[in-house]
């Protein structure tokens, strides 16, 4: 049930309540998961299988897929809306030139 591509729900830790995708099985107790962070807010990390709950949804991903390819699968699947995932908004900062103050004499 915990095969690569399976979408899981984190149920423990700071990312509890967020969805992630299993990328690789490490051993009997741990898996490598990723959100990726740009979609669900979960960064790529090793996770104890007791801290996740599998869902019925599964992606067809290549072994050890990178975050960019998993992000594309999320966007094309329609599951972001179905699971009501709030995608973090990336803020862009505009750097404006600093004007030198004129001395008033």
Protein backbone atom coordinates (compact mmCIF):
# COMPACT_ATOMS: atom_id res chain seq x y z
CA UNK A 1 0.00 0.00 0.00
CA UNK A 2 2.92 2.37 0.60
CA UNK A 3 4.42 2.20 -2.88
CA UNK A 4 6.09 5.10 -4.75
CA UNK A 5 3.50 7.49 -6.16
CA UNK A 6 0.95 6.92 -3.37
CA UNK A 7 -0.51 10.17 -1.98
CA UNK A 8 -0.44 10.21 1.81
CA UNK A 9 -1.72 12.51 4.53
CA UNK A 10 0.75 13.53 7.24
CA UNK A 11 -0.85 12.88 10.64
CA UNK A 12 2.04 13.85 12.93
CA UNK A 13 4.65 16.56 13.15
CA UNK A 14 4.70 20.16 12.00
CA UNK A 15 3.28 19.21 8.61
CA UNK A 16 0.29 17.31 10.05
CA UNK A 17 -2.80 17.70 7.89
CA UNK A 18 -0.82 18.21 4.67
CA UNK A 19 -0.60 15.89 1.68
CA UNK A 20 2.59 14.39 0.29
CA UNK A 21 3.69 11.83 -2.31
CA UNK A 22 5.84 8.80 -1.53
CA UNK A 23 8.97 8.92 -3.68
CA UNK A 24 10.84 5.87 -2.41
CA UNK A 25 10.68 3.14 0.23
CA UNK A 26 13.78 3.36 2.44
CA UNK A 27 13.16 0.35 4.71
CA UNK A 28 10.32 -1.29 6.62
CA UNK A 29 9.74 1.76 8.83
CA UNK A 30 10.65 4.78 6.68
CA UNK A 31 9.75 6.26 3.30
CA UNK A 32 11.00 9.29 1.37
CA UNK A 33 8.18 11.79 0.79
CA UNK A 34 7.77 15.15 -0.89
CA UNK A 35 4.88 17.57 -1.34
CA UNK A 36 6.59 19.21 -3.13
CA UNK A 37 6.85 22.33 -1.00
CA UNK A 38 5.59 24.58 -3.81
CA UNK A 39 2.28 22.66 -3.94
CA UNK A 40 1.49 21.28 -0.49
CA UNK A 41 4.11 22.82 1.78
CA UNK A 42 5.85 19.50 2.55
CA UNK A 43 9.53 19.42 1.67
CA UNK A 44 11.38 16.28 0.63
CA UNK A 45 12.28 14.27 3.72
CA UNK A 46 12.47 10.86 5.32
CA UNK A 47 9.28 10.03 7.19
CA UNK A 48 8.22 7.30 9.60
CA UNK A 49 5.35 5.25 8.17
CA UNK A 50 3.50 5.62 11.49
CA UNK A 51 3.24 9.37 10.79
CA UNK A 52 1.39 9.08 7.48
CA UNK A 53 -1.96 7.77 6.34
CA UNK A 54 -2.29 6.48 2.75
CA UNK A 55 -5.11 7.69 0.53
CA UNK A 56 -6.74 5.88 -2.38
CA UNK A 57 -5.05 8.26 -4.86
CA UNK A 58 -1.82 7.32 -6.61
CA UNK A 59 0.39 8.99 -9.21
CA UNK A 60 2.34 7.14 -11.86
CA UNK A 61 5.83 8.55 -11.25
CA UNK A 62 9.30 7.37 -12.19
CA UNK A 63 11.55 5.96 -9.46
CA UNK A 64 13.23 8.74 -7.44
CA UNK A 65 11.29 11.44 -9.34
CA UNK A 66 12.33 15.04 -8.77
CA UNK A 67 10.07 17.72 -7.28
CA UNK A 68 9.52 19.48 -10.63
CA UNK A 69 8.05 16.37 -12.27
CA UNK A 70 5.85 15.62 -9.24
CA UNK A 71 4.65 19.25 -9.27
CA UNK A 72 3.61 18.84 -12.93
CA UNK A 73 1.71 15.63 -12.09
CA UNK A 74 -0.15 17.41 -9.26
CA UNK A 75 -1.16 20.27 -11.58
CA UNK A 76 -2.35 18.00 -14.38
CA UNK A 77 -4.23 15.54 -12.13
CA UNK A 78 -6.93 17.88 -10.80
CA UNK A 79 -6.41 16.57 -7.26
CA UNK A 80 -5.38 19.99 -5.93
CA UNK A 81 -8.98 21.15 -6.20
CA UNK A 82 -10.49 17.78 -5.26
CA UNK A 83 -8.46 17.52 -2.03
CA UNK A 84 -8.87 21.27 -1.39
CA UNK A 85 -5.14 21.87 -1.09
CA UNK A 86 -4.20 25.47 -0.49
CA UNK A 87 -1.15 26.11 -2.69
CA UNK A 88 1.26 28.59 -1.05
CA UNK A 89 1.56 31.84 -3.00
CA UNK A 90 5.08 32.67 -4.05
CA UNK A 91 5.80 36.29 -3.27
CA UNK A 92 7.95 38.31 -5.60
CA UNK A 93 9.90 41.20 -4.23
CA UNK A 94 10.62 44.15 -6.48
CA UNK A 95 13.87 45.84 -5.77
CA UNK A 96 13.49 49.56 -6.30
CA UNK A 97 16.46 51.85 -6.74
CA UNK A 98 17.42 53.86 -3.68
CA UNK A 99 17.28 57.58 -4.24
CA UNK A 100 19.94 59.66 -2.62
CA UNK A 101 18.60 62.40 -0.45
CA UNK A 102 19.51 65.89 -1.50
CA UNK A 103 21.12 67.99 1.16
CA UNK A 104 18.98 70.97 2.05
CA UNK A 105 21.31 73.93 2.64
